[in-house]
């Protein structure tokens, strides 16, 4: 629905582009240096708090409260490089953003023949175009066995294994005020005092 409402033809000015954040693609993130939520346009018909727009020139640095997606280079422990994004305004007990994503050129299900879950969850599902590394629910909401199975599926989709992937080094393509130029993730962070999961 949002795609039809807000995407303009290629000849139109990039300033007119509006998409639902859930409709962003790998190509969208590679095309612009950032995408921000249109919080000042929530009253516009057909838009919501999840509508985003491209930012053509963010300069050399964004504010730590920037509400959107900044493309990033993601390097796994084995040296393999991936394209991703960070969400600067989501801080998690430290200077680095809580959410880092590896973006996929196609839907997650297209990478493996084994069926992925069809319902949304915090780790992986069939229609996902990115894999988000950030806080995951407590064990009461996402039991340990289910979490392990979902993480196994992530490794299958990415063609890797735990020891080849972790730690992940994240380097945003635009500097984020108050954040280091790069940082490492050790795994998904279980909410509460649940520790790292991988």
Foldseek 3Di string as FASTA:
>chain_A
DQCVVQDDDPPDDQQRHKGFQQPDAPVNQVVAQWKAFPPVCCVPPPDHRRIIGGDHDPDQEDELLGATWGKKWKAFQLGDIFIWIAGRNQDDPDQGHQKIKGFANAFLCVQDVPAAACDDAQAHHGRDRIGIAGEHEACVVVNPVNVVVSVVSVCSSVVHDLVRGPFMKIAGPHHYPRHDRIDTDGAHQYPDPPGHDD
